């Protein structure tokens, strides 16, 4: 099974999808991670505000932090190898990194309750 690890910049909660002024990019990324989970991918998000020590354990992430002071977050790792930094990847990229068939949000919306108008999910 593939493992995606997301090293997020400091945010108010584990996904950044909270508060009154939520960034649409974070909502989309949270939904895309839920999509990955529904296809058997292991996903872990690590938030700099909540788990700062985790950023020193991984050598690649630690080097990134030393070089950029955190400006290159988020860092995305697939099975321990950094594949992206300084931006949240698209669902298409996430699918490719995990050898999954790409599904756009409209075709998979019925399969996932996340972010539907009446869902009471933690990702919304």
PDB file of N, CA and C in Angstrom:
ATOM      1  N   UNK A   1       0.843  -1.175   0.000  1.00  0.00           N
ATOM      2  CA  UNK A   1       0.000   0.000   0.000  1.00  0.00           C
ATOM      3  C   UNK A   1       0.893   1.245   0.000  1.00  0.00           C
ATOM      4  N   UNK A   2       0.509   2.209  -0.796  1.00  0.00           N
ATOM      5  CA  UNK A   2       1.226   3.477  -0.878  1.00  0.00           C
ATOM      6  C   UNK A   2       0.900   4.340   0.333  1.00  0.00           C
ATOM      7  N   UNK A   3       1.883   5.113   0.767  1.00  0.00           N
ATOM      8  CA  UNK A   3       1.672   6.050   1.866  1.00  0.00           C
ATOM      9  C   UNK A   3       2.008   7.456   1.401  1.00  0.00           C
ATOM     10  N   UNK A   4       1.064   8.368   1.586  1.00  0.00           N
ATOM     11  CA  UNK A   4       1.270   9.798   1.317  1.00  0.00           C
ATOM     12  C   UNK A   4       1.423  10.491   2.661  1.00  0.00           C
ATOM     13  N   UNK A   5       2.484  11.268   2.798  1.00  0.00           N
ATOM     14  CA  UNK A   5       2.676  12.064   4.005  1.00  0.00           C
ATOM     15  C   UNK A   5       2.733  13.525   3.579  1.00  0.00           C
ATOM     16  N   UNK A   6       1.913  14.331   4.209  1.00  0.00           N
ATOM     17  CA  UNK A   6       1.841  15.758   3.905  1.00  0.00           C
ATOM     18  C   UNK A   6       2.387  16.522   5.104  1.00  0.00           C
ATOM     19  N   UNK A   7       3.446  17.268   4.887  1.00  0.00           N
ATOM     20  CA  UNK A   7       3.997  18.157   5.911  1.00  0.00           C
ATOM     21  C   UNK A   7       3.450  19.545   5.618  1.00  0.00           C
ATOM     22  N   UNK A   8       2.421  19.924   6.387  1.00  0.00           N
ATOM     23  CA  UNK A   8       1.725  21.189   6.172  1.00  0.00           C
ATOM     24  C   UNK A   8       2.403  22.341   6.898  1.00  0.00           C
ATOM     25  N   UNK A   9       2.229  23.564   6.378  1.00  0.00           N
ATOM     26  CA  UNK A   9       2.677  24.745   7.117  1.00  0.00           C
ATOM     27  C   UNK A   9       1.812  24.921   8.362  1.00  0.00           C
ATOM     28  N   UNK A  10       2.164  25.847   9.239  1.00  0.00           N
ATOM     29  CA  UNK A  10       1.348  26.058  10.435  1.00  0.00           C
ATOM     30  C   UNK A  10      -0.083  26.438  10.059  1.00  0.00           C
ATOM     31  N   UNK A  11      -1.040  25.721  10.644  1.00  0.00           N
ATOM     32  CA  UNK A  11      -2.464  26.000  10.410  1.00  0.00           C
ATOM     33  C   UNK A  11      -3.197  25.854  11.731  1.00  0.00           C
ATOM     34  N   UNK A  12      -4.403  26.381  11.772  1.00  0.00           N
ATOM     35  CA  UNK A  12      -5.187  26.381  13.004  1.00  0.00           C
ATOM     36  C   UNK A  12      -5.666  24.991  13.405  1.00  0.00           C
ATOM     37  N   UNK A  13      -5.813  24.083  12.436  1.00  0.00           N
ATOM     38  CA  UNK A  13      -6.233  22.718  12.728  1.00  0.00           C
ATOM     39  C   UNK A  13      -5.487  21.779  11.792  1.00  0.00           C
ATOM     40  N   UNK A  14      -5.719  20.496  11.932  1.00  0.00           N
ATOM     41  CA  UNK A  14      -4.927  19.521  11.190  1.00  0.00           C
ATOM     42  C   UNK A  14      -5.063  19.625   9.673  1.00  0.00           C
ATOM     43  N   UNK A  15      -6.158  20.163   9.166  1.00  0.00           N
ATOM     44  CA  UNK A  15      -6.351  20.257   7.721  1.00  0.00           C
ATOM     45  C   UNK A  15      -6.388  21.694   7.210  1.00  0.00           C
ATOM     46  N   UNK A  16      -6.512  22.655   8.094  1.00  0.00           N
ATOM     47  CA  UNK A  16      -6.660  24.047   7.677  1.00  0.00           C
ATOM     48  C   UNK A  16      -8.064  24.380   7.221  1.00  0.00           C
ATOM     49  N   UNK A  17      -8.955  23.389   7.297  1.00  0.00           N
ATOM     50  CA  UNK A  17     -10.336  23.589   6.853  1.00  0.00           C
ATOM     51  C   UNK A  17     -11.184  23.886   8.088  1.00  0.00           C
ATOM     52  N   UNK A  18     -10.997  25.081   8.616  1.00  0.00           N
ATOM     53  CA  UNK A  18     -11.730  25.501   9.802  1.00  0.00           C
ATOM     54  C   UNK A  18     -11.761  27.025   9.831  1.00  0.00           C
ATOM     55  N   UNK A  19     -12.556  27.557  10.676  1.00  0.00           N
ATOM     56  CA  UNK A  19     -12.642  29.006  10.794  1.00  0.00           C
ATOM     57  C   UNK A  19     -13.596  29.610   9.781  1.00  0.00           C
ATOM     58  N   UNK A  20     -13.656  30.924   9.778  1.00  0.00           N
ATOM     59  CA  UNK A  20     -14.626  31.639   8.943  1.00  0.00           C
ATOM     60  C   UNK A  20     -14.130  31.873   7.521  1.00  0.00           C
ATOM     61  N   UNK A  21     -12.830  31.962   7.320  1.00  0.00           N
ATOM     62  CA  UNK A  21     -12.281  32.286   6.002  1.00  0.00           C
ATOM     63  C   UNK A  21     -11.395  31.141   5.525  1.00  0.00           C
ATOM     64  N   UNK A  22     -12.022  30.075   5.016  1.00  0.00           N
ATOM     65  CA  UNK A  22     -11.298  28.876   4.612  1.00  0.00           C
ATOM     66  C   UNK A  22     -10.837  29.004   3.164  1.00  0.00           C
ATOM     67  N   UNK A  23      -9.582  28.657   2.920  1.00  0.00           N
ATOM     68  CA  UNK A  23      -8.997  28.676   1.590  1.00  0.00           C
ATOM     69  C   UNK A  23      -9.576  27.517   0.767  1.00  0.00           C
ATOM     70  N   UNK A  24     -10.164  27.812  -0.380  1.00  0.00           N
ATOM     71  CA  UNK A  24     -10.761  26.780  -1.234  1.00  0.00           C
ATOM     72  C   UNK A  24      -9.748  25.709  -1.619  1.00  0.00           C
ATOM     73  N   UNK A  25      -8.499  26.091  -1.790  1.00  0.00           N
ATOM     74  CA  UNK A  25      -7.452  25.133  -2.140  1.00  0.00           C
ATOM     75  C   UNK A  25      -7.312  24.066  -1.051  1.00  0.00           C
ATOM     76  N   UNK A  26      -7.435  24.449   0.215  1.00  0.00           N
ATOM     77  CA  UNK A  26      -7.348  23.488   1.314  1.00  0.00           C
ATOM     78  C   UNK A  26      -8.566  22.570   1.347  1.00  0.00           C
ATOM     79  N   UNK A  27      -9.721  23.091   1.023  1.00  0.00           N
ATOM     80  CA  UNK A  27     -10.932  22.270   0.957  1.00  0.00           C
ATOM     81  C   UNK A  27     -10.779  21.219  -0.146  1.00  0.00           C
ATOM     82  N   UNK A  28     -10.329  21.651  -1.304  1.00  0.00           N
ATOM     83  CA  UNK A  28     -10.139  20.746  -2.434  1.00  0.00           C
ATOM     84  C   UNK A  28      -9.105  19.687  -2.107  1.00  0.00           C
ATOM     85  N   UNK A  29      -7.991  20.088  -1.512  1.00  0.00           N
ATOM     86  CA  UNK A  29      -6.933  19.132  -1.183  1.00  0.00           C
ATOM     87  C   UNK A  29      -7.420  18.121  -0.144  1.00  0.00           C
ATOM     88  N   UNK A  30      -8.148  18.569   0.869  1.00  0.00           N
ATOM     89  CA  UNK A  30      -8.691  17.649   1.876  1.00  0.00           C
ATOM     90  C   UNK A  30      -9.617  16.630   1.219  1.00  0.00           C
ATOM     91  N   UNK A  31     -10.444  17.076   0.279  1.00  0.00           N
ATOM     92  CA  UNK A  31     -11.338  16.158  -0.438  1.00  0.00           C
ATOM     93  C   UNK A  31     -10.532  15.173  -1.285  1.00  0.00           C
ATOM     94  N   UNK A  32      -9.457  15.658  -1.901  1.00  0.00           N
ATOM     95  CA  UNK A  32      -8.615  14.773  -2.709  1.00  0.00           C
ATOM     96  C   UNK A  32      -7.912  13.729  -1.839  1.00  0.00           C
ATOM     97  N   UNK A  33      -7.500  14.108  -0.649  1.00  0.00           N
ATOM     98  CA  UNK A  33      -6.888  13.132   0.261  1.00  0.00           C
ATOM     99  C   UNK A  33      -7.919  12.100   0.718  1.00  0.00           C
ATOM    100  N   UNK A  34      -9.148  12.536   0.964  1.00  0.00           N
ATOM    101  CA  UNK A  34     -10.220  11.582   1.299  1.00  0.00           C
ATOM    102  C   UNK A  34     -10.461  10.624   0.134  1.00  0.00           C
ATOM    103  N   UNK A  35     -10.393  11.136  -1.086  1.00  0.00           N
ATOM    104  CA  UNK A  35     -10.540  10.304  -2.278  1.00  0.00           C
ATOM    105  C   UNK A  35      -9.446   9.237  -2.308  1.00  0.00           C
ATOM    106  N   UNK A  36      -8.196   9.644  -2.007  1.00  0.00           N
ATOM    107  CA  UNK A  36      -7.099   8.672  -1.961  1.00  0.00           C
ATOM    108  C   UNK A  36      -7.357   7.604  -0.904  1.00  0.00           C
ATOM    109  N   UNK A  37      -7.762   8.036   0.280  1.00  0.00           N
ATOM    110  CA  UNK A  37      -8.045   7.085   1.360  1.00  0.00           C
ATOM    111  C   UNK A  37      -9.105   6.078   0.945  1.00  0.00           C
ATOM    112  N   UNK A  38     -10.122   6.532   0.228  1.00  0.00           N
ATOM    113  CA  UNK A  38     -11.200   5.638  -0.198  1.00  0.00           C
ATOM    114  C   UNK A  38     -10.716   4.614  -1.221  1.00  0.00           C
ATOM    115  N   UNK A  39      -9.534   4.828  -1.764  1.00  0.00           N
ATOM    116  CA  UNK A  39      -8.938   3.895  -2.717  1.00  0.00           C
ATOM    117  C   UNK A  39      -7.778   3.118  -2.110  1.00  0.00           C
ATOM    118  N   UNK A  40      -7.687   3.123  -0.795  1.00  0.00           N
ATOM    119  CA  UNK A  40      -6.716   2.296  -0.096  1.00  0.00           C
ATOM    120  C   UNK A  40      -5.352   2.905   0.158  1.00  0.00           C
ATOM    121  N   UNK A  41      -5.195   4.179  -0.143  1.00  0.00           N
ATOM    122  CA  UNK A  41      -3.921   4.845   0.098  1.00  0.00           C
ATOM    123  C   UNK A  41      -3.876   5.309   1.553  1.00  0.00           C
ATOM    124  N   UNK A  42      -2.765   5.061   2.213  1.00  0.00           N
ATOM    125  CA  UNK A  42      -2.571   5.539   3.580  1.00  0.00           C
ATOM    126  C   UNK A  42      -2.145   7.004   3.508  1.00  0.00           C
ATOM    127  N   UNK A  43      -2.834   7.866   4.243  1.00  0.00           N
ATOM    128  CA  UNK A  43      -2.558   9.304   4.212  1.00  0.00           C
ATOM    129  C   UNK A  43      -2.292   9.792   5.627  1.00  0.00           C
ATOM    130  N   UNK A  44      -1.214  10.546   5.765  1.00  0.00           N
ATOM    131  CA  UNK A  44      -0.908  11.174   7.057  1.00  0.00           C
ATOM    132  C   UNK A  44      -0.591  12.637   6.812  1.00  0.00           C
ATOM    133  N   UNK A  45      -1.229  13.512   7.589  1.00  0.00           N
ATOM    134  CA  UNK A  45      -0.936  14.943   7.527  1.00  0.00           C
ATOM    135  C   UNK A  45      -0.262  15.349   8.826  1.00  0.00           C
ATOM    136  N   UNK A  46       0.807  16.120   8.682  1.00  0.00           N
ATOM    137  CA  UNK A  46       1.564  16.594   9.830  1.00  0.00           C
ATOM    138  C   UNK A  46       1.596  18.115   9.751  1.00  0.00           C
ATOM    139  N   UNK A  47       1.054  18.767  10.770  1.00  0.00           N
ATOM    140  CA  UNK A  47       0.927  20.218  10.802  1.00  0.00           C
ATOM    141  C   UNK A  47       2.059  20.794  11.660  1.00  0.00           C
ATOM    142  N   UNK A  48       2.777  21.747  11.110  1.00  0.00           N
ATOM    143  CA  UNK A  48       3.911  22.344  11.818  1.00  0.00           C
ATOM    144  C   UNK A  48       3.511  22.934  13.164  1.00  0.00           C
ATOM    145  N   UNK A  49       2.305  23.509  13.283  1.00  0.00           N
ATOM    146  CA  UNK A  49       1.889  24.095  14.568  1.00  0.00           C
ATOM    147  C   UNK A  49       1.616  23.039  15.622  1.00  0.00           C
ATOM    148  N   UNK A  50       1.182  21.855  15.193  1.00  0.00           N
ATOM    149  CA  UNK A  50       0.769  20.832  16.152  1.00  0.00           C
ATOM    150  C   UNK A  50       1.823  19.769  16.399  1.00  0.00           C
ATOM    151  N   UNK A  51       2.695  19.501  15.419  1.00  0.00           N
ATOM    152  CA  UNK A  51       3.693  18.452  15.565  1.00  0.00           C
ATOM    153  C   UNK A  51       5.065  18.911  15.047  1.00  0.00           C
ATOM    154  N   UNK A  52       5.633  19.967  15.616  1.00  0.00           N
ATOM    155  CA  UNK A  52       6.886  20.503  15.073  1.00  0.00           C
ATOM    156  C   UNK A  52       8.050  19.515  15.099  1.00  0.00           C
ATOM    157  N   UNK A  53       8.098  18.631  16.071  1.00  0.00           N
ATOM    158  CA  UNK A  53       9.206  17.674  16.164  1.00  0.00           C
ATOM    159  C   UNK A  53       9.238  16.726  14.969  1.00  0.00           C
ATOM    160  N   UNK A  54       8.078  16.449  14.386  1.00  0.00           N
ATOM    161  CA  UNK A  54       8.009  15.550  13.225  1.00  0.00           C
ATOM    162  C   UNK A  54       8.790  16.104  12.030  1.00  0.00           C
ATOM    163  N   UNK A  55       8.935  17.410  11.964  1.00  0.00           N
ATOM    164  CA  UNK A  55       9.638  18.038  10.848  1.00  0.00           C
ATOM    165  C   UNK A  55      11.147  17.864  10.951  1.00  0.00           C
ATOM    166  N   UNK A  56      11.633  17.473  12.106  1.00  0.00           N
ATOM    167  CA  UNK A  56      13.067  17.242  12.263  1.00  0.00           C
ATOM    168  C   UNK A  56      13.435  15.771  12.090  1.00  0.00           C
ATOM    169  N   UNK A  57      12.470  14.886  12.178  1.00  0.00           N
ATOM    170  CA  UNK A  57      12.739  13.448  12.099  1.00  0.00           C
ATOM    171  C   UNK A  57      13.089  13.017  10.676  1.00  0.00           C
ATOM    172  N   UNK A  58      12.337  13.510   9.687  1.00  0.00           N
ATOM    173  CA  UNK A  58      12.603  13.160   8.297  1.00  0.00           C
ATOM    174  C   UNK A  58      13.735  14.038   7.777  1.00  0.00           C
ATOM    175  N   UNK A  59      14.814  13.416   7.285  1.00  0.00           N
ATOM    176  CA  UNK A  59      15.996  14.178   6.855  1.00  0.00           C
ATOM    177  C   UNK A  59      15.697  15.140   5.705  1.00  0.00           C
ATOM    178  N   UNK A  60      14.897  14.696   4.721  1.00  0.00           N
ATOM    179  CA  UNK A  60      14.579  15.551   3.579  1.00  0.00           C
ATOM    180  C   UNK A  60      13.756  16.760   4.003  1.00  0.00           C
ATOM    181  N   UNK A  61      12.785  16.535   4.860  1.00  0.00           N
ATOM    182  CA  UNK A  61      11.929  17.625   5.335  1.00  0.00           C
ATOM    183  C   UNK A  61      12.739  18.562   6.227  1.00  0.00           C
ATOM    184  N   UNK A  62      13.594  18.004   7.069  1.00  0.00           N
ATOM    185  CA  UNK A  62      14.445  18.825   7.927  1.00  0.00           C
ATOM    186  C   UNK A  62      15.353  19.711   7.075  1.00  0.00           C
ATOM    187  N   UNK A  63      15.954  19.150   6.024  1.00  0.00           N
ATOM    188  CA  UNK A  63      16.816  19.943   5.132  1.00  0.00           C
ATOM    189  C   UNK A  63      16.010  21.040   4.434  1.00  0.00           C
ATOM    190  N   UNK A  64      14.797  20.713   4.020  1.00  0.00           N
ATOM    191  CA  UNK A  64      13.915  21.696   3.393  1.00  0.00           C
ATOM    192  C   UNK A  64      13.627  22.842   4.366  1.00  0.00           C
ATOM    193  N   UNK A  65      13.326  22.495   5.608  1.00  0.00           N
ATOM    194  CA  UNK A  65      13.041  23.518   6.624  1.00  0.00           C
ATOM    195  C   UNK A  65      14.265  24.391   6.882  1.00  0.00           C
ATOM    196  N   UNK A  66      15.433  23.772   6.936  1.00  0.00           N
ATOM    197  CA  UNK A  66      16.663  24.535   7.166  1.00  0.00           C
ATOM    198  C   UNK A  66      16.934  25.493   6.010  1.00  0.00           C
ATOM    199  N   UNK A  67      16.661  25.045   4.793  1.00  0.00           N
ATOM    200  CA  UNK A  67      16.947  25.856   3.609  1.00  0.00           C
ATOM    201  C   UNK A  67      15.941  26.980   3.397  1.00  0.00           C
ATOM    202  N   UNK A  68      14.661  26.706   3.691  1.00  0.00           N
ATOM    203  CA  UNK A  68      13.632  27.695   3.351  1.00  0.00           C
ATOM    204  C   UNK A  68      12.952  28.315   4.560  1.00  0.00           C
ATOM    205  N   UNK A  69      13.226  27.809   5.748  1.00  0.00           N
ATOM    206  CA  UNK A  69      12.549  28.320   6.940  1.00  0.00           C
ATOM    207  C   UNK A  69      11.057  28.030   6.935  1.00  0.00           C
ATOM    208  N   UNK A  70      10.648  27.055   6.151  1.00  0.00           N
ATOM    209  CA  UNK A  70       9.237  26.691   6.080  1.00  0.00           C
ATOM    210  C   UNK A  70       8.505  27.285   4.893  1.00  0.00           C
ATOM    211  N   UNK A  71       9.171  28.146   4.116  1.00  0.00           N
ATOM    212  CA  UNK A  71       8.519  28.767   2.967  1.00  0.00           C
ATOM    213  C   UNK A  71       8.198  27.768   1.861  1.00  0.00           C
ATOM    214  N   UNK A  72       8.852  26.602   1.861  1.00  0.00           N
ATOM    215  CA  UNK A  72       8.611  25.591   0.840  1.00  0.00           C
ATOM    216  C   UNK A  72       7.588  24.546   1.271  1.00  0.00           C
ATOM    217  N   UNK A  73       6.828  24.823   2.325  1.00  0.00           N
ATOM    218  CA  UNK A  73       5.759  23.912   2.729  1.00  0.00           C
ATOM    219  C   UNK A  73       4.507  24.254   1.948  1.00  0.00           C
ATOM    220  N   UNK A  74       3.656  23.309   1.661  1.00  0.00           N
ATOM    221  CA  UNK A  74       3.682  21.926   2.112  1.00  0.00           C
ATOM    222  C   UNK A  74       4.712  21.097   1.341  1.00  0.00           C
ATOM    223  N   UNK A  75       5.193  20.063   2.011  1.00  0.00           N
ATOM    224  CA  UNK A  75       6.047  19.057   1.378  1.00  0.00           C
ATOM    225  C   UNK A  75       5.225  17.777   1.315  1.00  0.00           C
ATOM    226  N   UNK A  76       5.206  17.151   0.144  1.00  0.00           N
ATOM    227  CA  UNK A  76       4.433  15.935  -0.061  1.00  0.00           C
ATOM    228  C   UNK A  76       5.403  14.794  -0.317  1.00  0.00           C
ATOM    229  N   UNK A  77       5.281  13.727   0.477  1.00  0.00           N
ATOM    230  CA  UNK A  77       6.117  12.547   0.309  1.00  0.00           C
ATOM    231  C   UNK A  77       5.252  11.358  -0.078  1.00  0.00           C
ATOM    232  N   UNK A  78       5.755  10.559  -1.007  1.00  0.00           N
ATOM    233  CA  UNK A  78       5.116   9.307  -1.380  1.00  0.00           C
ATOM    234  C   UNK A  78       6.095   8.202  -1.013  1.00  0.00           C
ATOM    235  N   UNK A  79       5.655   7.341  -0.106  1.00  0.00           N
ATOM    236  CA  UNK A  79       6.503   6.262   0.402  1.00  0.00           C
ATOM    237  C   UNK A  79       7.874   6.783   0.828  1.00  0.00           C
ATOM    238  N   UNK A  80       7.860   7.936   1.506  1.00  0.00           N
ATOM    239  CA  UNK A  80       9.077   8.495   2.076  1.00  0.00           C
ATOM    240  C   UNK A  80       9.917   9.345   1.146  1.00  0.00           C
ATOM    241  N   UNK A  81       9.540   9.439  -0.120  1.00  0.00           N
ATOM    242  CA  UNK A  81      10.305  10.233  -1.084  1.00  0.00           C
ATOM    243  C   UNK A  81       9.548  11.511  -1.415  1.00  0.00           C
ATOM    244  N   UNK A  82      10.234  12.673  -1.302  1.00  0.00           N
ATOM    245  CA  UNK A  82       9.583  13.948  -1.585  1.00  0.00           C
ATOM    246  C   UNK A  82       9.289  14.064  -3.077  1.00  0.00           C
ATOM    247  N   UNK A  83       8.017  14.337  -3.385  1.00  0.00           N
ATOM    248  CA  UNK A  83       7.591  14.468  -4.780  1.00  0.00           C
ATOM    249  C   UNK A  83       7.100  15.873  -5.107  1.00  0.00           C
ATOM    250  N   UNK A  84       6.866  16.686  -4.079  1.00  0.00           N
ATOM    251  CA  UNK A  84       6.336  18.028  -4.307  1.00  0.00           C
ATOM    252  C   UNK A  84       6.645  18.897  -3.097  1.00  0.00           C
ATOM    253  N   UNK A  85       6.830  20.187  -3.362  1.00  0.00           N
ATOM    254  CA  UNK A  85       7.009  21.142  -2.268  1.00  0.00           C
ATOM    255  C   UNK A  85       6.463  22.492  -2.691  1.00  0.00           C
ATOM    256  N   UNK A  86       6.118  23.296  -1.700  1.00  0.00           N
ATOM    257  CA  UNK A  86       5.684  24.688  -1.877  1.00  0.00           C
ATOM    258  C   UNK A  86       4.320  24.850  -2.539  1.00  0.00           C
ATOM    259  N   UNK A  87       3.566  23.742  -2.699  1.00  0.00           N
ATOM    260  CA  UNK A  87       2.228  23.843  -3.292  1.00  0.00           C
ATOM    261  C   UNK A  87       1.462  22.560  -2.983  1.00  0.00           C
ATOM    262  N   UNK A  88       0.145  22.667  -3.062  1.00  0.00           N
ATOM    263  CA  UNK A  88      -0.697  21.483  -2.912  1.00  0.00           C
ATOM    264  C   UNK A  88      -0.916  20.902  -4.302  1.00  0.00           C
ATOM    265  N   UNK A  89      -0.644  19.610  -4.480  1.00  0.00           N
ATOM    266  CA  UNK A  89      -0.783  19.001  -5.796  1.00  0.00           C
ATOM    267  C   UNK A  89      -2.245  18.797  -6.190  1.00  0.00           C
ATOM    268  N   UNK A  90      -2.454  18.599  -7.471  1.00  0.00           N
ATOM    269  CA  UNK A  90      -3.792  18.343  -8.000  1.00  0.00           C
ATOM    270  C   UNK A  90      -4.175  16.877  -7.766  1.00  0.00           C
ATOM    271  N   UNK A  91      -5.449  16.588  -7.901  1.00  0.00           N
ATOM    272  CA  UNK A  91      -5.921  15.208  -7.792  1.00  0.00           C
ATOM    273  C   UNK A  91      -5.262  14.346  -8.874  1.00  0.00           C
ATOM    274  N   UNK A  92      -5.074  14.923 -10.048  1.00  0.00           N
ATOM    275  CA  UNK A  92      -4.452  14.189 -11.154  1.00  0.00           C
ATOM    276  C   UNK A  92      -3.025  13.759 -10.767  1.00  0.00           C
ATOM    277  N   UNK A  93      -2.271  14.657 -10.149  1.00  0.00           N
ATOM    278  CA  UNK A  93      -0.919  14.317  -9.698  1.00  0.00           C
ATOM    279  C   UNK A  93      -0.969  13.246  -8.609  1.00  0.00           C
ATOM    280  N   UNK A  94      -1.864  13.410  -7.646  1.00  0.00           N
ATOM    281  CA  UNK A  94      -1.988  12.429  -6.569  1.00  0.00           C
ATOM    282  C   UNK A  94      -2.316  11.053  -7.129  1.00  0.00           C
ATOM    283  N   UNK A  95      -3.207  11.007  -8.110  1.00  0.00           N
ATOM    284  CA  UNK A  95      -3.572   9.731  -8.730  1.00  0.00           C
ATOM    285  C   UNK A  95      -2.349   9.105  -9.412  1.00  0.00           C
ATOM    286  N   UNK A  96      -1.612   9.900 -10.165  1.00  0.00           N
ATOM    287  CA  UNK A  96      -0.441   9.386 -10.885  1.00  0.00           C
ATOM    288  C   UNK A  96       0.617   8.856  -9.923  1.00  0.00           C
ATOM    289  N   UNK A  97       0.879   9.583  -8.842  1.00  0.00           N
ATOM    290  CA  UNK A  97       1.893   9.153  -7.876  1.00  0.00           C
ATOM    291  C   UNK A  97       1.513   7.850  -7.190  1.00  0.00           C
ATOM    292  N   UNK A  98       0.220   7.533  -7.184  1.00  0.00           N
ATOM    293  CA  UNK A  98      -0.270   6.338  -6.500  1.00  0.00           C
ATOM    294  C   UNK A  98      -0.765   5.267  -7.471  1.00  0.00           C
ATOM    295  N   UNK A  99      -0.442   5.433  -8.753  1.00  0.00           N
ATOM    296  CA  UNK A  99      -0.838   4.471  -9.792  1.00  0.00           C
ATOM    297  C   UNK A  99      -2.342   4.202  -9.780  1.00  0.00           C
ATOM    298  N   UNK A 100      -3.113   5.272  -9.644  1.00  0.00           N
ATOM    299  CA  UNK A 100      -4.569   5.176  -9.649  1.00  0.00           C
ATOM    300  C   UNK A 100      -5.118   5.814 -10.914  1.00  0.00           C
ATOM    301  N   UNK A 101      -6.245   5.337 -11.366  1.00  0.00           N
ATOM    302  CA  UNK A 101      -6.928   5.980 -12.481  1.00  0.00           C
ATOM    303  C   UNK A 101      -7.468   7.320 -11.990  1.00  0.00           C
ATOM    304  N   UNK A 102      -7.241   8.350 -12.769  1.00  0.00           N
ATOM    305  CA  UNK A 102      -7.715   9.680 -12.395  1.00  0.00           C
ATOM    306  C   UNK A 102      -9.226   9.751 -12.547  1.00  0.00           C
ATOM    307  N   UNK A 103      -9.887  10.328 -11.552  1.00  0.00           N
ATOM    308  CA  UNK A 103     -11.320  10.612 -11.606  1.00  0.00           C
ATOM    309  C   UNK A 103     -11.493  12.072 -11.229  1.00  0.00           C
ATOM    310  N   UNK A 104     -12.188  12.826 -12.066  1.00  0.00           N
ATOM    311  CA  UNK A 104     -12.423  14.214 -11.697  1.00  0.00           C
ATOM    312  C   UNK A 104     -13.434  14.264 -10.550  1.00  0.00           C
ATOM    313  N   UNK A 105     -13.552  15.410  -9.946  1.00  0.00           N
ATOM    314  CA  UNK A 105     -14.399  15.543  -8.757  1.00  0.00           C
ATOM    315  C   UNK A 105     -15.866  15.281  -9.050  1.00  0.00           C
ATOM    316  N   UNK A 106     -16.343  15.685 -10.225  1.00  0.00           N
ATOM    317  CA  UNK A 106     -17.758  15.475 -10.544  1.00  0.00           C
ATOM    318  C   UNK A 106     -18.095  13.993 -10.631  1.00  0.00           C
ATOM    319  N   UNK A 107     -17.205  13.189 -11.261  1.00  0.00           N
ATOM    320  CA  UNK A 107     -17.508  11.771 -11.421  1.00  0.00           C
ATOM    321  C   UNK A 107     -17.378  11.006 -10.123  1.00  0.00           C
ATOM    322  N   UNK A 108     -16.576  11.509  -9.201  1.00  0.00           N
ATOM    323  CA  UNK A 108     -16.410  10.800  -7.933  1.00  0.00           C
ATOM    324  C   UNK A 108     -17.213  11.427  -6.797  1.00  0.00           C
ATOM    325  N   UNK A 109     -17.908  12.521  -7.054  1.00  0.00           N
ATOM    326  CA  UNK A 109     -18.656  13.213  -5.995  1.00  0.00           C
ATOM    327  C   UNK A 109     -19.714  12.322  -5.374  1.00  0.00           C
ATOM    328  N   UNK A 110     -20.362  11.495  -6.172  1.00  0.00           N
ATOM    329  CA  UNK A 110     -21.400  10.628  -5.613  1.00  0.00           C
ATOM    330  C   UNK A 110     -20.804   9.523  -4.758  1.00  0.00           C
ATOM    331  N   UNK A 111     -19.518   9.196  -4.985  1.00  0.00           N
ATOM    332  CA  UNK A 111     -18.877   8.135  -4.213  1.00  0.00           C
ATOM    333  C   UNK A 111     -18.370   8.633  -2.872  1.00  0.00           C
ATOM    334  N   UNK A 112     -18.153   9.934  -2.743  1.00  0.00           N
ATOM    335  CA  UNK A 112     -17.612  10.489  -1.511  1.00  0.00           C
ATOM    336  C   UNK A 112     -18.538  11.566  -0.967  1.00  0.00           C
ATOM    337  N   UNK A 113     -18.968  11.443   0.289  1.00  0.00           N
ATOM    338  CA  UNK A 113     -19.846  12.464   0.861  1.00  0.00           C
ATOM    339  C   UNK A 113     -19.113  13.741   1.239  1.00  0.00           C
ATOM    340  N   UNK A 114     -17.810  13.748   1.179  1.00  0.00           N
ATOM    341  CA  UNK A 114     -17.038  14.898   1.624  1.00  0.00           C
ATOM    342  C   UNK A 114     -17.417  16.147   0.836  1.00  0.00           C
ATOM    343  N   UNK A 115     -17.668  17.178   1.569  1.00  0.00           N
ATOM    344  CA  UNK A 115     -17.946  18.494   1.019  1.00  0.00           C
ATOM    345  C   UNK A 115     -19.247  18.579   0.228  1.00  0.00           C
ATOM    346  N   UNK A 116     -20.124  17.607   0.381  1.00  0.00           N
ATOM    347  CA  UNK A 116     -21.449  17.767  -0.221  1.00  0.00           C
ATOM    348  C   UNK A 116     -22.234  18.730   0.654  1.00  0.00           C
ATOM    349  N   UNK A 117     -23.272  19.268   0.135  1.00  0.00           N
ATOM    350  CA  UNK A 117     -23.987  20.339   0.835  1.00  0.00           C
ATOM    351  C   UNK A 117     -24.562  19.929   2.170  1.00  0.00           C
ATOM    352  N   UNK A 118     -24.862  18.643   2.353  1.00  0.00           N
ATOM    353  CA  UNK A 118     -25.450  18.233   3.635  1.00  0.00           C
ATOM    354  C   UNK A 118     -24.547  17.295   4.426  1.00  0.00           C
ATOM    355  N   UNK A 119     -23.279  17.170   4.036  1.00  0.00           N
ATOM    356  CA  UNK A 119     -22.359  16.298   4.770  1.00  0.00           C
ATOM    357  C   UNK A 119     -21.928  16.963   6.077  1.00  0.00           C
ATOM    358  N   UNK A 120     -21.758  16.161   7.078  1.00  0.00           N
ATOM    359  CA  UNK A 120     -21.223  16.644   8.339  1.00  0.00           C
ATOM    360  C   UNK A 120     -19.866  15.992   8.548  1.00  0.00           C
ATOM    361  N   UNK A 121     -19.004  16.191   7.569  1.00  0.00           N
ATOM    362  CA  UNK A 121     -17.688  15.567   7.557  1.00  0.00           C
ATOM    363  C   UNK A 121     -16.650  16.534   8.137  1.00  0.00           C
ATOM    364  N   UNK A 122     -15.587  15.986   8.683  1.00  0.00           N
ATOM    365  CA  UNK A 122     -14.537  16.828   9.236  1.00  0.00           C
ATOM    366  C   UNK A 122     -13.737  17.539   8.148  1.00  0.00           C
ATOM    367  N   UNK A 123     -13.903  17.131   6.897  1.00  0.00           N
ATOM    368  CA  UNK A 123     -13.138  17.784   5.832  1.00  0.00           C
ATOM    369  C   UNK A 123     -13.827  19.030   5.308  1.00  0.00           C
ATOM    370  N   UNK A 124     -15.012  19.281   5.707  1.00  0.00           N
ATOM    371  CA  UNK A 124     -15.760  20.424   5.167  1.00  0.00           C
ATOM    372  C   UNK A 124     -15.770  21.591   6.125  1.00  0.00           C
TER     373      UNK A 124
END
